[in-house]
Amino acid sequence: MKDVLVRFGLAMESSLLSELDEIVAARGTTRSELLRDLVRAEVSKQRVRSGEPAVGALTLVYDHHVRDLTERLTAVQHGLGDAIRSTMHVHLDHDHCLEVIVMRGDTDVLRDAAQRMLATRGVKHGGLELVTDRARVQASDEPGPVHEHDGHTHVHAPDGHAHAHTHGHARPRRK
């Protein structure tokens, strides 16, 4: 059944409305569609429950000249052990770096670690995006099946092979 659209009033500062309208114009959409998208995103974030297995991406922009900052960030990451799945470090300019940290584990643990890193002196801004899917995301450190083809070897997630392939081989048959 199709969900019915409901009209309602909204009050906001004129300066904020101007910024909203700039985003609407840049996207080529409407205020209503943009607000629906924003609400959907917030609802999705709120659905991430405490104690669930999740994957997350933490972004940090920081001034790498701040004394001991990189050591403090690294200490938090090392404290998480195998929950840190990958990191990417990008030099933005002479003073600033962007770090993207991919994590996997319990939502509470990931949120706590993110909060500690975001609160570290020298971190300018950043944020954590968490994704959970009780049917597929597992906090297990058990790797999926390893196989070789087309001259490379890789590991698939424990769900068996649930991603599209662009490198020319069919999904393996289950025994």
N, C-alpha and C. Protein backbone atom coordinates (compact mmCIF):
# COMPACT_ATOMS: atom_id res chain seq x y z
N MET A 1 0.83 -1.17 0.00
CA MET A 1 0.00 0.00 0.00
C MET A 1 0.88 1.24 0.00
N LYS A 2 0.55 2.21 -0.82
CA LYS A 2 1.33 3.43 -0.92
C LYS A 2 1.11 4.31 0.31
N ASP A 3 2.21 4.83 0.84
CA ASP A 3 2.15 5.71 2.00
C ASP A 3 1.63 7.09 1.56
N VAL A 4 0.75 7.67 2.33
CA VAL A 4 0.12 8.95 2.01
C VAL A 4 1.03 10.09 2.47
N LEU A 5 1.21 11.09 1.61
CA LEU A 5 1.96 12.28 2.00
C LEU A 5 1.09 13.17 2.86
N VAL A 6 1.67 13.72 3.91
CA VAL A 6 0.95 14.58 4.85
C VAL A 6 1.64 15.94 4.86
N ARG A 7 0.86 17.00 4.71
CA ARG A 7 1.41 18.36 4.79
C ARG A 7 1.47 18.80 6.24
N PHE A 8 2.53 19.53 6.57
CA PHE A 8 2.64 20.12 7.91
C PHE A 8 3.46 21.39 7.81
N GLY A 9 3.34 22.24 8.80
CA GLY A 9 4.08 23.50 8.81
C GLY A 9 5.44 23.33 9.47
N LEU A 10 6.35 24.20 9.12
CA LEU A 10 7.69 24.14 9.66
C LEU A 10 8.20 25.57 9.82
N ALA A 11 8.78 25.87 10.95
CA ALA A 11 9.34 27.20 11.19
C ALA A 11 10.85 27.08 11.35
N MET A 12 11.59 27.99 10.71
CA MET A 12 13.04 28.04 10.86
C MET A 12 13.53 29.45 10.58
N GLU A 13 14.73 29.72 11.02
CA GLU A 13 15.33 31.02 10.79
C GLU A 13 15.48 31.28 9.29
N SER A 14 15.33 32.54 8.89
CA SER A 14 15.40 32.87 7.46
C SER A 14 16.78 32.55 6.89
N SER A 15 17.83 32.75 7.68
CA SER A 15 19.18 32.44 7.18
C SER A 15 19.34 30.94 6.93
N LEU A 16 18.76 30.12 7.80
CA LEU A 16 18.82 28.67 7.62
C LEU A 16 17.99 28.25 6.41
N LEU A 17 16.85 28.89 6.22
CA LEU A 17 16.01 28.61 5.06
C LEU A 17 16.75 28.97 3.77
N SER A 18 17.49 30.06 3.78
CA SER A 18 18.28 30.44 2.60
C SER A 18 19.32 29.38 2.27
N GLU A 19 19.97 28.86 3.31
CA GLU A 19 20.96 27.80 3.09
C GLU A 19 20.28 26.53 2.57
N LEU A 20 19.11 26.22 3.10
CA LEU A 20 18.34 25.07 2.62
C LEU A 20 18.02 25.24 1.14
N ASP A 21 17.57 26.43 0.77
CA ASP A 21 17.22 26.70 -0.63
C ASP A 21 18.43 26.59 -1.56
N GLU A 22 19.60 26.95 -1.07
CA GLU A 22 20.82 26.79 -1.88
C GLU A 22 21.08 25.30 -2.15
N ILE A 23 20.88 24.48 -1.14
CA ILE A 23 21.08 23.04 -1.31
C ILE A 23 20.03 22.49 -2.27
N VAL A 24 18.79 22.92 -2.12
CA VAL A 24 17.70 22.49 -3.01
C VAL A 24 18.05 22.82 -4.45
N ALA A 25 18.51 24.05 -4.69
CA ALA A 25 18.85 24.48 -6.05
C ALA A 25 20.02 23.66 -6.61
N ALA A 26 21.03 23.43 -5.78
CA ALA A 26 22.19 22.67 -6.23
C ALA A 26 21.83 21.23 -6.58
N ARG A 27 20.90 20.65 -5.85
CA ARG A 27 20.47 19.27 -6.10
C ARG A 27 19.42 19.17 -7.20
N GLY A 28 18.79 20.29 -7.51
CA GLY A 28 17.72 20.25 -8.51
C GLY A 28 16.50 19.50 -8.01
N THR A 29 16.16 19.71 -6.75
CA THR A 29 15.05 18.99 -6.13
C THR A 29 14.08 20.00 -5.53
N THR A 30 13.28 19.56 -4.59
CA THR A 30 12.35 20.45 -3.90
C THR A 30 12.67 20.45 -2.41
N ARG A 31 12.15 21.46 -1.71
CA ARG A 31 12.33 21.49 -0.26
C ARG A 31 11.77 20.22 0.38
N SER A 32 10.59 19.82 -0.07
CA SER A 32 9.95 18.64 0.51
C SER A 32 10.81 17.39 0.34
N GLU A 33 11.33 17.19 -0.87
CA GLU A 33 12.14 15.99 -1.11
C GLU A 33 13.43 16.03 -0.30
N LEU A 34 14.06 17.20 -0.22
CA LEU A 34 15.28 17.32 0.58
C LEU A 34 14.98 17.03 2.05
N LEU A 35 13.92 17.58 2.58
CA LEU A 35 13.57 17.34 3.98
C LEU A 35 13.22 15.87 4.22
N ARG A 36 12.53 15.24 3.26
CA ARG A 36 12.25 13.80 3.41
C ARG A 36 13.55 13.00 3.45
N ASP A 37 14.50 13.36 2.57
CA ASP A 37 15.80 12.68 2.57
C ASP A 37 16.52 12.85 3.90
N LEU A 38 16.50 14.07 4.44
CA LEU A 38 17.16 14.33 5.72
C LEU A 38 16.51 13.55 6.85
N VAL A 39 15.18 13.50 6.85
CA VAL A 39 14.47 12.75 7.90
C VAL A 39 14.76 11.26 7.77
N ARG A 40 14.75 10.73 6.54
CA ARG A 40 15.07 9.31 6.34
C ARG A 40 16.46 8.98 6.87
N ALA A 41 17.43 9.86 6.59
CA ALA A 41 18.79 9.64 7.06
C ALA A 41 18.85 9.62 8.59
N GLU A 42 18.15 10.55 9.22
CA GLU A 42 18.15 10.60 10.69
C GLU A 42 17.43 9.39 11.28
N VAL A 43 16.32 8.99 10.68
CA VAL A 43 15.60 7.80 11.15
C VAL A 43 16.51 6.58 11.04
N SER A 44 17.24 6.47 9.94
CA SER A 44 18.17 5.35 9.75
C SER A 44 19.24 5.35 10.84
N LYS A 45 19.79 6.52 11.16
CA LYS A 45 20.79 6.60 12.23
C LYS A 45 20.21 6.18 13.57
N GLN A 46 18.99 6.59 13.84
CA GLN A 46 18.37 6.29 15.12
C GLN A 46 18.02 4.80 15.26
N ARG A 47 17.90 4.11 14.15
CA ARG A 47 17.58 2.67 14.18
C ARG A 47 18.77 1.82 14.57
N VAL A 48 19.95 2.39 14.54
CA VAL A 48 21.14 1.65 14.94
C VAL A 48 21.09 1.51 16.45
N ARG A 49 20.77 0.32 16.89
CA ARG A 49 20.55 0.06 18.31
C ARG A 49 21.85 -0.22 19.05
N SER A 50 21.77 0.02 20.32
CA SER A 50 22.88 -0.26 21.22
C SER A 50 23.16 -1.76 21.24
N GLY A 51 24.44 -2.12 21.20
CA GLY A 51 24.82 -3.51 21.33
C GLY A 51 24.72 -4.35 20.08
N GLU A 52 24.40 -3.74 18.95
CA GLU A 52 24.29 -4.49 17.70
C GLU A 52 25.64 -4.59 17.00
N PRO A 53 25.83 -5.66 16.23
CA PRO A 53 27.01 -5.71 15.36
C PRO A 53 26.85 -4.67 14.26
N ALA A 54 27.95 -4.01 13.93
CA ALA A 54 27.89 -2.95 12.93
C ALA A 54 29.22 -2.79 12.23
N VAL A 55 29.18 -2.12 11.11
CA VAL A 55 30.38 -1.60 10.46
C VAL A 55 30.24 -0.09 10.47
N GLY A 56 31.37 0.58 10.57
CA GLY A 56 31.31 2.03 10.64
C GLY A 56 32.49 2.66 9.93
N ALA A 57 32.27 3.87 9.46
CA ALA A 57 33.34 4.68 8.87
C ALA A 57 33.43 5.97 9.68
N LEU A 58 34.57 6.18 10.28
CA LEU A 58 34.84 7.40 11.04
C LEU A 58 35.74 8.29 10.20
N THR A 59 35.33 9.53 9.99
CA THR A 59 36.17 10.49 9.29
C THR A 59 36.66 11.52 10.30
N LEU A 60 37.92 11.87 10.19
CA LEU A 60 38.53 12.87 11.06
C LEU A 60 39.32 13.84 10.19
N VAL A 61 39.17 15.12 10.44
CA VAL A 61 40.05 16.13 9.85
C VAL A 61 40.77 16.76 11.02
N TYR A 62 42.10 16.75 10.95
CA TYR A 62 42.85 17.25 12.09
C TYR A 62 44.12 17.98 11.66
N ASP A 63 44.63 18.76 12.59
CA ASP A 63 45.87 19.50 12.41
C ASP A 63 47.00 18.59 12.89
N HIS A 64 47.79 18.10 11.95
CA HIS A 64 48.81 17.12 12.35
C HIS A 64 50.00 17.75 13.08
N HIS A 65 50.01 19.08 13.21
CA HIS A 65 51.07 19.74 13.97
C HIS A 65 50.79 19.75 15.48
N VAL A 66 49.58 19.39 15.89
CA VAL A 66 49.25 19.36 17.31
C VAL A 66 50.05 18.23 17.97
N ARG A 67 50.75 18.59 19.02
CA ARG A 67 51.67 17.68 19.69
C ARG A 67 50.97 16.39 20.13
N ASP A 68 51.55 15.27 19.79
CA ASP A 68 51.11 13.92 20.19
C ASP A 68 49.72 13.52 19.67
N LEU A 69 49.14 14.31 18.78
CA LEU A 69 47.80 13.99 18.29
C LEU A 69 47.78 12.64 17.57
N THR A 70 48.67 12.45 16.61
CA THR A 70 48.64 11.20 15.85
C THR A 70 48.90 10.00 16.77
N GLU A 71 49.76 10.18 17.77
CA GLU A 71 50.02 9.09 18.71
C GLU A 71 48.78 8.75 19.52
N ARG A 72 48.03 9.78 19.95
CA ARG A 72 46.81 9.54 20.73
C ARG A 72 45.75 8.85 19.88
N LEU A 73 45.59 9.28 18.62
CA LEU A 73 44.62 8.64 17.73
C LEU A 73 45.00 7.19 17.47
N THR A 74 46.29 6.97 17.24
CA THR A 74 46.77 5.60 17.00
C THR A 74 46.57 4.73 18.23
N ALA A 75 46.77 5.27 19.42
CA ALA A 75 46.59 4.49 20.65
C ALA A 75 45.14 4.03 20.79
N VAL A 76 44.19 4.90 20.47
CA VAL A 76 42.78 4.49 20.54
C VAL A 76 42.52 3.37 19.55
N GLN A 77 43.04 3.52 18.33
CA GLN A 77 42.83 2.49 17.30
C GLN A 77 43.47 1.17 17.71
N HIS A 78 44.69 1.21 18.23
CA HIS A 78 45.35 -0.03 18.64
C HIS A 78 44.60 -0.69 19.80
N GLY A 79 43.97 0.11 20.64
CA GLY A 79 43.17 -0.43 21.73
C GLY A 79 41.96 -1.21 21.25
N LEU A 80 41.54 -0.96 20.02
CA LEU A 80 40.39 -1.67 19.46
C LEU A 80 40.78 -2.98 18.78
N GLY A 81 42.07 -3.20 18.59
CA GLY A 81 42.53 -4.44 17.99
C GLY A 81 41.97 -4.66 16.60
N ASP A 82 41.41 -5.86 16.39
CA ASP A 82 40.91 -6.24 15.07
C ASP A 82 39.63 -5.52 14.67
N ALA A 83 39.06 -4.72 15.55
CA ALA A 83 37.87 -3.95 15.18
C ALA A 83 38.20 -2.91 14.12
N ILE A 84 39.47 -2.49 14.07
CA ILE A 84 39.90 -1.57 13.02
C ILE A 84 40.20 -2.42 11.79
N ARG A 85 39.40 -2.23 10.76
CA ARG A 85 39.54 -3.05 9.55
C ARG A 85 40.45 -2.40 8.51
N SER A 86 40.43 -1.07 8.46
CA SER A 86 41.25 -0.37 7.47
C SER A 86 41.31 1.11 7.82
N THR A 87 42.39 1.76 7.40
CA THR A 87 42.49 3.21 7.54
C THR A 87 43.03 3.80 6.26
N MET A 88 42.65 5.04 6.02
CA MET A 88 43.19 5.78 4.88
C MET A 88 43.58 7.16 5.40
N HIS A 89 44.77 7.60 5.06
CA HIS A 89 45.29 8.88 5.53
C HIS A 89 45.59 9.74 4.31
N VAL A 90 45.04 10.95 4.30
CA VAL A 90 45.22 11.86 3.16
C VAL A 90 45.72 13.20 3.68
N HIS A 91 46.79 13.71 3.08
CA HIS A 91 47.29 15.04 3.41
C HIS A 91 46.48 16.06 2.63
N LEU A 92 45.74 16.92 3.34
CA LEU A 92 44.88 17.91 2.68
C LEU A 92 45.64 19.17 2.31
N ASP A 93 46.49 19.61 3.20
CA ASP A 93 47.33 20.78 2.95
C ASP A 93 48.51 20.70 3.92
N HIS A 94 49.24 21.79 4.06
CA HIS A 94 50.43 21.78 4.91
C HIS A 94 50.12 21.42 6.36
N ASP A 95 48.93 21.77 6.83
CA ASP A 95 48.61 21.59 8.24
C ASP A 95 47.60 20.48 8.54
N HIS A 96 46.76 20.14 7.58
CA HIS A 96 45.61 19.29 7.87
C HIS A 96 45.65 17.95 7.15
N CYS A 97 45.14 16.95 7.86
CA CYS A 97 45.02 15.60 7.31
C CYS A 97 43.59 15.12 7.45
N LEU A 98 43.21 14.25 6.55
CA LEU A 98 41.93 13.55 6.62
C LEU A 98 42.25 12.09 6.89
N GLU A 99 41.59 11.53 7.87
CA GLU A 99 41.74 10.11 8.15
C GLU A 99 40.37 9.46 8.08
N VAL A 100 40.28 8.35 7.36
CA VAL A 100 39.06 7.56 7.30
C VAL A 100 39.38 6.21 7.93
N ILE A 101 38.61 5.85 8.94
CA ILE A 101 38.86 4.63 9.70
C ILE A 101 37.64 3.73 9.58
N VAL A 102 37.82 2.56 9.01
CA VAL A 102 36.73 1.60 8.87
C VAL A 102 36.81 0.63 10.03
N MET A 103 35.69 0.51 10.75
CA MET A 103 35.66 -0.31 11.96
C MET A 103 34.51 -1.31 11.88
N ARG A 104 34.65 -2.38 12.65
CA ARG A 104 33.61 -3.40 12.71
C ARG A 104 33.52 -3.91 14.14
N GLY A 105 32.30 -3.97 14.66
CA GLY A 105 32.13 -4.46 16.02
C GLY A 105 30.82 -4.01 16.62
N ASP A 106 30.74 -4.05 17.93
CA ASP A 106 29.56 -3.66 18.68
C ASP A 106 29.35 -2.14 18.54
N THR A 107 28.11 -1.72 18.31
CA THR A 107 27.82 -0.30 18.10
C THR A 107 28.30 0.55 19.28
N ASP A 108 28.13 0.08 20.49
CA ASP A 108 28.55 0.86 21.66
C ASP A 108 30.06 1.06 21.68
N VAL A 109 30.80 0.02 21.35
CA VAL A 109 32.26 0.10 21.33
C VAL A 109 32.71 1.07 20.23
N LEU A 110 32.10 0.96 19.05
CA LEU A 110 32.48 1.83 17.94
C LEU A 110 32.14 3.29 18.24
N ARG A 111 30.97 3.53 18.81
CA ARG A 111 30.59 4.91 19.15
C ARG A 111 31.53 5.50 20.20
N ASP A 112 31.88 4.70 21.20
CA ASP A 112 32.78 5.18 22.25
C ASP A 112 34.15 5.53 21.66
N ALA A 113 34.68 4.66 20.83
CA ALA A 113 35.99 4.92 20.23
C ALA A 113 35.93 6.16 19.34
N ALA A 114 34.87 6.29 18.57
CA ALA A 114 34.72 7.46 17.71
C ALA A 114 34.66 8.73 18.55
N GLN A 115 33.90 8.70 19.63
CA GLN A 115 33.77 9.87 20.49
C GLN A 115 35.11 10.27 21.08
N ARG A 116 35.89 9.26 21.50
CA ARG A 116 37.21 9.56 22.07
C ARG A 116 38.13 10.19 21.02
N MET A 117 38.08 9.69 19.79
CA MET A 117 38.94 10.27 18.75
C MET A 117 38.45 11.66 18.35
N LEU A 118 37.15 11.83 18.20
CA LEU A 118 36.60 13.14 17.82
C LEU A 118 36.87 14.20 18.89
N ALA A 119 36.95 13.79 20.15
CA ALA A 119 37.17 14.73 21.25
C ALA A 119 38.65 15.03 21.49
N THR A 120 39.53 14.39 20.74
CA THR A 120 40.96 14.59 20.92
C THR A 120 41.36 15.98 20.46
N ARG A 121 42.16 16.67 21.29
CA ARG A 121 42.61 18.01 20.96
C ARG A 121 43.35 18.00 19.62
N GLY A 122 42.95 18.88 18.73
CA GLY A 122 43.55 18.97 17.40
C GLY A 122 42.65 18.44 16.30
N VAL A 123 41.65 17.63 16.67
CA VAL A 123 40.68 17.16 15.68
C VAL A 123 39.70 18.29 15.43
N LYS A 124 39.63 18.75 14.19
CA LYS A 124 38.79 19.90 13.82
C LYS A 124 37.33 19.50 13.67
N HIS A 125 37.11 18.43 12.93
CA HIS A 125 35.75 17.91 12.77
C HIS A 125 35.80 16.52 12.19
N GLY A 126 34.64 15.89 12.18
CA GLY A 126 34.54 14.53 11.67
C GLY A 126 33.19 13.96 12.04
N GLY A 127 33.03 12.69 11.80
CA GLY A 127 31.77 12.05 12.12
C GLY A 127 31.85 10.55 11.91
N LEU A 128 30.90 9.87 12.51
CA LEU A 128 30.82 8.41 12.40
C LEU A 128 29.53 8.04 11.70
N GLU A 129 29.63 7.19 10.72
CA GLU A 129 28.46 6.59 10.06
C GLU A 129 28.47 5.11 10.38
N LEU A 130 27.40 4.64 10.99
CA LEU A 130 27.26 3.22 11.34
C LEU A 130 26.21 2.58 10.46
N VAL A 131 26.46 1.34 10.08
CA VAL A 131 25.51 0.57 9.30
C VAL A 131 25.35 -0.78 9.98
N THR A 132 24.09 -1.16 10.20
CA THR A 132 23.82 -2.50 10.72
C THR A 132 22.82 -3.18 9.81
N ASP A 133 22.92 -4.47 9.77
CA ASP A 133 21.97 -5.29 9.05
C ASP A 133 22.01 -6.63 9.74
N ARG A 134 21.08 -6.84 10.63
CA ARG A 134 21.12 -8.05 11.46
C ARG A 134 21.20 -9.33 10.64
N ALA A 135 20.74 -9.28 9.40
CA ALA A 135 20.78 -10.49 8.58
C ALA A 135 22.17 -10.74 8.01
N ARG A 136 22.97 -9.66 7.83
CA ARG A 136 24.23 -9.86 7.14
C ARG A 136 25.47 -9.38 7.86
N VAL A 137 25.41 -8.29 8.60
CA VAL A 137 26.60 -7.77 9.25
C VAL A 137 26.92 -8.62 10.46
N GLN A 138 28.13 -9.14 10.51
CA GLN A 138 28.54 -9.95 11.64
C GLN A 138 29.77 -9.31 12.26
N ALA A 139 29.80 -9.26 13.58
CA ALA A 139 30.96 -8.67 14.27
C ALA A 139 32.08 -9.69 14.41
N SER A 140 31.89 -10.85 13.84
CA SER A 140 32.88 -11.91 13.93
C SER A 140 34.14 -11.52 13.19
N ASP A 141 35.26 -11.97 13.69
CA ASP A 141 36.52 -11.76 13.00
C ASP A 141 36.85 -12.92 12.07
N GLU A 142 35.94 -13.88 11.95
CA GLU A 142 36.18 -15.01 11.08
C GLU A 142 36.08 -14.56 9.63
N PRO A 143 37.14 -14.73 8.86
CA PRO A 143 37.07 -14.33 7.46
C PRO A 143 36.19 -15.29 6.67
N GLY A 144 35.72 -14.83 5.57
CA GLY A 144 34.94 -15.69 4.69
C GLY A 144 35.87 -16.55 3.85
N PRO A 145 35.32 -17.23 2.85
CA PRO A 145 36.13 -18.11 2.03
C PRO A 145 37.15 -17.34 1.19
N VAL A 146 38.34 -17.93 1.08
CA VAL A 146 39.40 -17.35 0.26
C VAL A 146 39.41 -18.12 -1.05
N HIS A 147 39.51 -17.39 -2.16
CA HIS A 147 39.65 -18.08 -3.43
C HIS A 147 40.46 -17.24 -4.40
N GLU A 148 40.93 -17.92 -5.43
CA GLU A 148 41.77 -17.26 -6.42
C GLU A 148 41.10 -17.35 -7.78
N HIS A 149 41.21 -16.28 -8.53
CA HIS A 149 40.74 -16.27 -9.91
C HIS A 149 41.30 -15.05 -10.61
N ASP A 150 41.39 -15.14 -11.91
CA ASP A 150 41.86 -14.02 -12.74
C ASP A 150 43.15 -13.41 -12.21
N GLY A 151 44.02 -14.23 -11.64
CA GLY A 151 45.32 -13.74 -11.19
C GLY A 151 45.34 -13.02 -9.86
N HIS A 152 44.26 -13.07 -9.10
CA HIS A 152 44.29 -12.46 -7.78
C HIS A 152 43.53 -13.33 -6.78
N THR A 153 43.84 -13.14 -5.52
CA THR A 153 43.20 -13.87 -4.44
C THR A 153 42.48 -12.88 -3.55
N HIS A 154 41.30 -13.24 -3.09
CA HIS A 154 40.63 -12.38 -2.12
C HIS A 154 39.71 -13.17 -1.21
N VAL A 155 39.31 -12.50 -0.14
CA VAL A 155 38.44 -13.09 0.88
C VAL A 155 37.07 -12.48 0.73
N HIS A 156 36.05 -13.30 0.83
CA HIS A 156 34.68 -12.80 0.80
C HIS A 156 34.10 -12.81 2.20
N ALA A 157 33.13 -11.98 2.39
CA ALA A 157 32.45 -11.88 3.69
C ALA A 157 31.82 -13.21 4.06
N PRO A 158 31.57 -13.42 5.35
CA PRO A 158 30.97 -14.68 5.79
C PRO A 158 29.61 -14.96 5.19
N ASP A 159 28.95 -13.96 4.57
CA ASP A 159 27.63 -14.20 3.99
C ASP A 159 27.70 -15.03 2.73
N GLY A 160 28.88 -15.33 2.26
CA GLY A 160 29.00 -16.28 1.17
C GLY A 160 29.44 -15.72 -0.16
N HIS A 161 29.03 -14.56 -0.55
CA HIS A 161 29.44 -14.02 -1.84
C HIS A 161 28.41 -12.98 -2.29
N ALA A 162 27.85 -12.27 -1.37
CA ALA A 162 26.69 -11.43 -1.65
C ALA A 162 27.06 -10.06 -2.22
N HIS A 163 27.98 -10.03 -3.17
CA HIS A 163 28.25 -8.75 -3.82
C HIS A 163 28.43 -8.98 -5.31
N ALA A 164 28.19 -7.93 -6.05
CA ALA A 164 28.33 -8.03 -7.51
C ALA A 164 29.81 -8.13 -7.87
N HIS A 165 30.08 -8.84 -8.92
CA HIS A 165 31.45 -8.96 -9.40
C HIS A 165 31.57 -8.32 -10.77
N THR A 166 32.66 -7.60 -10.95
CA THR A 166 32.91 -6.99 -12.25
C THR A 166 34.14 -7.61 -12.91
N HIS A 167 34.68 -8.66 -12.29
CA HIS A 167 35.90 -9.22 -12.83
C HIS A 167 35.71 -10.61 -13.45
N GLY A 168 34.55 -10.84 -14.01
CA GLY A 168 34.36 -11.94 -14.92
C GLY A 168 34.32 -13.35 -14.38
N HIS A 169 33.76 -13.60 -13.24
CA HIS A 169 33.53 -14.98 -12.86
C HIS A 169 32.16 -15.07 -12.20
N ALA A 170 31.59 -16.22 -12.35
CA ALA A 170 30.24 -16.44 -11.82
C ALA A 170 30.29 -16.70 -10.33
N ARG A 171 29.17 -16.49 -9.70
CA ARG A 171 29.03 -16.78 -8.28
C ARG A 171 29.26 -18.27 -8.07
N PRO A 172 30.10 -18.65 -7.10
CA PRO A 172 30.35 -20.08 -6.88
C PRO A 172 29.10 -20.79 -6.37
N ARG A 173 28.97 -22.03 -6.78
CA ARG A 173 27.83 -22.83 -6.32
C ARG A 173 28.13 -23.37 -4.93
N ARG A 174 27.09 -23.41 -4.11
CA ARG A 174 27.26 -23.96 -2.75
C ARG A 174 27.16 -25.47 -2.82
N LYS A 175 27.94 -26.13 -2.00
CA LYS A 175 27.95 -27.60 -1.99
C LYS A 175 26.90 -28.10 -1.06
